[in-house]
N, C-alpha and C. Protein backbone atom coordinates (compact mmCIF):
# COMPACT_ATOMS: atom_id res chain seq x y z
N MET A 1 44.75 -3.57 -24.97
CA MET A 1 43.98 -3.46 -23.74
C MET A 1 42.59 -4.06 -23.92
N MET A 2 42.01 -3.92 -25.08
CA MET A 2 40.69 -4.46 -25.34
C MET A 2 40.70 -5.98 -25.27
N ASP A 3 41.83 -6.60 -25.61
CA ASP A 3 41.92 -8.05 -25.55
C ASP A 3 41.78 -8.57 -24.12
N ARG A 4 42.26 -7.80 -23.14
CA ARG A 4 42.16 -8.23 -21.74
C ARG A 4 40.70 -8.30 -21.30
N PHE A 5 39.91 -7.34 -21.74
CA PHE A 5 38.50 -7.34 -21.34
C PHE A 5 37.74 -8.48 -22.01
N THR A 6 37.98 -8.69 -23.27
CA THR A 6 37.24 -9.73 -23.98
C THR A 6 37.68 -11.12 -23.56
N ASP A 7 38.92 -11.29 -23.16
CA ASP A 7 39.39 -12.60 -22.70
C ASP A 7 38.71 -13.00 -21.40
N CYS A 8 38.44 -12.04 -20.55
CA CYS A 8 37.81 -12.33 -19.25
C CYS A 8 36.29 -12.35 -19.34
N GLY A 9 35.75 -11.99 -20.47
CA GLY A 9 34.32 -12.01 -20.63
C GLY A 9 33.61 -10.76 -20.15
N TRP A 10 34.31 -9.64 -19.98
CA TRP A 10 33.69 -8.42 -19.45
C TRP A 10 32.72 -7.80 -20.44
N ILE A 11 33.15 -7.62 -21.66
CA ILE A 11 32.33 -6.91 -22.64
C ILE A 11 31.03 -7.65 -22.95
N PRO A 12 31.05 -8.93 -23.23
CA PRO A 12 29.78 -9.60 -23.54
C PRO A 12 28.82 -9.63 -22.34
N MET A 13 29.34 -9.66 -21.13
CA MET A 13 28.48 -9.76 -19.95
C MET A 13 27.97 -8.40 -19.45
N MET A 14 28.54 -7.30 -19.93
CA MET A 14 28.13 -5.99 -19.41
C MET A 14 26.66 -5.72 -19.71
N GLY A 15 26.19 -6.01 -20.89
CA GLY A 15 24.80 -5.76 -21.24
C GLY A 15 23.86 -6.62 -20.43
N PHE A 16 24.14 -7.92 -20.34
CA PHE A 16 23.30 -8.84 -19.57
C PHE A 16 23.37 -8.52 -18.08
N GLY A 17 24.54 -8.20 -17.58
CA GLY A 17 24.70 -7.88 -16.16
C GLY A 17 23.94 -6.63 -15.78
N LEU A 18 24.00 -5.62 -16.60
CA LEU A 18 23.27 -4.38 -16.33
C LEU A 18 21.77 -4.62 -16.38
N LEU A 19 21.33 -5.35 -17.38
CA LEU A 19 19.91 -5.66 -17.51
C LEU A 19 19.40 -6.47 -16.32
N SER A 20 20.17 -7.48 -15.92
CA SER A 20 19.74 -8.31 -14.80
C SER A 20 19.74 -7.51 -13.49
N MET A 21 20.68 -6.59 -13.31
CA MET A 21 20.72 -5.77 -12.11
C MET A 21 19.50 -4.85 -12.05
N VAL A 22 19.16 -4.21 -13.15
CA VAL A 22 17.98 -3.34 -13.20
C VAL A 22 16.72 -4.15 -12.96
N LEU A 23 16.63 -5.30 -13.56
CA LEU A 23 15.47 -6.18 -13.37
C LEU A 23 15.36 -6.63 -11.91
N PHE A 24 16.47 -6.99 -11.30
CA PHE A 24 16.48 -7.41 -9.90
C PHE A 24 15.95 -6.32 -8.99
N TRP A 25 16.46 -5.09 -9.12
CA TRP A 25 16.03 -3.99 -8.25
C TRP A 25 14.58 -3.60 -8.52
N THR A 26 14.15 -3.68 -9.78
CA THR A 26 12.76 -3.37 -10.10
C THR A 26 11.82 -4.37 -9.44
N VAL A 27 12.14 -5.64 -9.54
CA VAL A 27 11.31 -6.68 -8.92
C VAL A 27 11.33 -6.52 -7.41
N LEU A 28 12.48 -6.24 -6.83
CA LEU A 28 12.59 -6.07 -5.38
C LEU A 28 11.76 -4.90 -4.88
N ILE A 29 11.83 -3.76 -5.54
CA ILE A 29 11.08 -2.57 -5.12
C ILE A 29 9.59 -2.78 -5.28
N PHE A 30 9.17 -3.23 -6.45
CA PHE A 30 7.73 -3.43 -6.67
C PHE A 30 7.18 -4.57 -5.81
N GLY A 31 7.98 -5.58 -5.57
CA GLY A 31 7.58 -6.66 -4.67
C GLY A 31 7.38 -6.14 -3.25
N GLY A 32 8.28 -5.27 -2.79
CA GLY A 32 8.14 -4.68 -1.47
C GLY A 32 6.90 -3.82 -1.37
N LEU A 33 6.63 -3.04 -2.41
CA LEU A 33 5.43 -2.21 -2.40
C LEU A 33 4.16 -3.07 -2.40
N PHE A 34 4.18 -4.15 -3.16
CA PHE A 34 3.04 -5.05 -3.20
C PHE A 34 2.79 -5.68 -1.83
N VAL A 35 3.84 -6.14 -1.18
CA VAL A 35 3.71 -6.76 0.15
C VAL A 35 3.20 -5.73 1.16
N ALA A 36 3.71 -4.51 1.10
CA ALA A 36 3.27 -3.47 2.03
C ALA A 36 1.78 -3.17 1.84
N ARG A 37 1.34 -3.05 0.60
CA ARG A 37 -0.08 -2.79 0.35
C ARG A 37 -0.94 -3.97 0.77
N TRP A 38 -0.46 -5.18 0.58
CA TRP A 38 -1.21 -6.36 0.99
C TRP A 38 -1.35 -6.40 2.50
N LEU A 39 -0.26 -6.09 3.21
CA LEU A 39 -0.32 -6.09 4.67
C LEU A 39 -1.27 -5.01 5.18
N MET A 40 -1.27 -3.86 4.54
CA MET A 40 -2.18 -2.79 4.95
C MET A 40 -3.62 -3.20 4.73
N GLY A 41 -3.88 -3.96 3.71
CA GLY A 41 -5.23 -4.44 3.43
C GLY A 41 -5.68 -5.51 4.41
N GLN A 42 -4.72 -6.15 5.06
CA GLN A 42 -5.05 -7.20 6.02
C GLN A 42 -5.38 -6.65 7.40
N GLY A 43 -5.27 -5.35 7.59
CA GLY A 43 -5.65 -4.76 8.86
C GLY A 43 -4.52 -4.06 9.58
N PHE A 44 -3.28 -4.19 9.10
CA PHE A 44 -2.18 -3.54 9.79
C PHE A 44 -2.23 -2.03 9.63
N GLY A 45 -2.79 -1.56 8.54
CA GLY A 45 -2.86 -0.13 8.31
C GLY A 45 -4.29 0.37 8.24
N ARG A 46 -5.23 -0.46 8.65
CA ARG A 46 -6.64 -0.09 8.54
C ARG A 46 -6.97 1.02 9.52
N ARG A 47 -7.70 1.99 9.04
CA ARG A 47 -8.06 3.12 9.90
C ARG A 47 -9.34 2.80 10.68
N GLU A 48 -9.49 3.49 11.77
CA GLU A 48 -10.69 3.33 12.59
C GLU A 48 -11.85 4.07 11.94
N ASP A 49 -13.06 3.60 12.20
CA ASP A 49 -14.24 4.30 11.70
C ASP A 49 -14.36 5.66 12.39
N SER A 50 -14.83 6.64 11.66
CA SER A 50 -15.04 7.95 12.26
C SER A 50 -16.28 7.89 13.14
N ALA A 51 -16.43 8.88 13.99
CA ALA A 51 -17.57 8.93 14.90
C ALA A 51 -18.88 8.99 14.11
N LEU A 52 -18.88 9.73 13.01
CA LEU A 52 -20.09 9.83 12.20
C LEU A 52 -20.45 8.49 11.56
N GLU A 53 -19.46 7.75 11.11
CA GLU A 53 -19.72 6.43 10.52
C GLU A 53 -20.29 5.47 11.57
N ILE A 54 -19.76 5.53 12.78
CA ILE A 54 -20.27 4.69 13.87
C ILE A 54 -21.71 5.07 14.18
N LEU A 55 -21.98 6.37 14.22
CA LEU A 55 -23.34 6.85 14.48
C LEU A 55 -24.31 6.36 13.41
N LYS A 56 -23.89 6.43 12.15
CA LYS A 56 -24.73 5.95 11.05
C LYS A 56 -25.02 4.46 11.17
N LYS A 57 -24.01 3.69 11.56
CA LYS A 57 -24.20 2.24 11.72
C LYS A 57 -25.16 1.95 12.87
N ARG A 58 -25.02 2.68 13.96
CA ARG A 58 -25.93 2.48 15.11
C ARG A 58 -27.37 2.81 14.73
N TYR A 59 -27.55 3.87 13.94
CA TYR A 59 -28.89 4.23 13.50
C TYR A 59 -29.45 3.16 12.55
N ALA A 60 -28.59 2.67 11.66
CA ALA A 60 -29.02 1.64 10.71
C ALA A 60 -29.42 0.34 11.41
N ARG A 61 -28.74 0.03 12.51
CA ARG A 61 -29.08 -1.19 13.27
C ARG A 61 -30.29 -0.99 14.17
N GLY A 62 -30.76 0.25 14.30
CA GLY A 62 -31.93 0.53 15.13
C GLY A 62 -31.61 0.73 16.60
N GLU A 63 -30.36 0.97 16.91
CA GLU A 63 -29.96 1.16 18.31
C GLU A 63 -30.38 2.54 18.83
N ILE A 64 -30.48 3.51 17.93
CA ILE A 64 -30.89 4.87 18.34
C ILE A 64 -32.02 5.34 17.43
N SER A 65 -32.79 6.28 17.95
CA SER A 65 -33.93 6.81 17.18
C SER A 65 -33.44 7.87 16.19
N LYS A 66 -34.35 8.26 15.29
CA LYS A 66 -34.01 9.28 14.29
C LYS A 66 -33.69 10.61 14.98
N GLN A 67 -34.48 10.95 16.01
CA GLN A 67 -34.25 12.21 16.73
C GLN A 67 -32.88 12.19 17.40
N GLU A 68 -32.54 11.09 18.06
CA GLU A 68 -31.23 10.98 18.72
C GLU A 68 -30.11 11.01 17.69
N PHE A 69 -30.31 10.36 16.54
CA PHE A 69 -29.32 10.39 15.47
C PHE A 69 -29.07 11.81 15.00
N GLU A 70 -30.15 12.57 14.75
CA GLU A 70 -30.01 13.94 14.26
C GLU A 70 -29.31 14.82 15.29
N GLU A 71 -29.64 14.65 16.58
CA GLU A 71 -29.00 15.45 17.62
C GLU A 71 -27.51 15.18 17.70
N ARG A 72 -27.15 13.91 17.71
CA ARG A 72 -25.74 13.55 17.81
C ARG A 72 -24.97 13.92 16.55
N LYS A 73 -25.62 13.80 15.41
CA LYS A 73 -24.99 14.19 14.15
C LYS A 73 -24.70 15.69 14.15
N ARG A 74 -25.66 16.47 14.60
CA ARG A 74 -25.49 17.91 14.68
C ARG A 74 -24.32 18.25 15.64
N ASP A 75 -24.25 17.55 16.76
CA ASP A 75 -23.16 17.79 17.71
C ASP A 75 -21.80 17.44 17.10
N LEU A 76 -21.74 16.37 16.33
CA LEU A 76 -20.47 15.95 15.73
C LEU A 76 -20.00 16.91 14.64
N LEU A 77 -20.93 17.46 13.90
CA LEU A 77 -20.58 18.32 12.78
C LEU A 77 -20.28 19.75 13.17
N MET A 78 -20.50 20.08 14.41
CA MET A 78 -20.23 21.45 14.87
C MET A 78 -18.78 21.70 15.09
């Protein structure tokens, strides 16, 4: 029975076939994860700024006064 397997090349290819299958799935999974993270970094998964972050940016640009910033900040944190 062992002669049938070796004549068809089953035994010598089992190690290489298993290794190549594991390598294929590993590359496919990690490649998919890499692409997903890259797409998220491009803006597809980007989150919106919080209200406090927007308020800080407006204050930094000089659009609102310190008093107005403190009042709105206090309202947001309540």
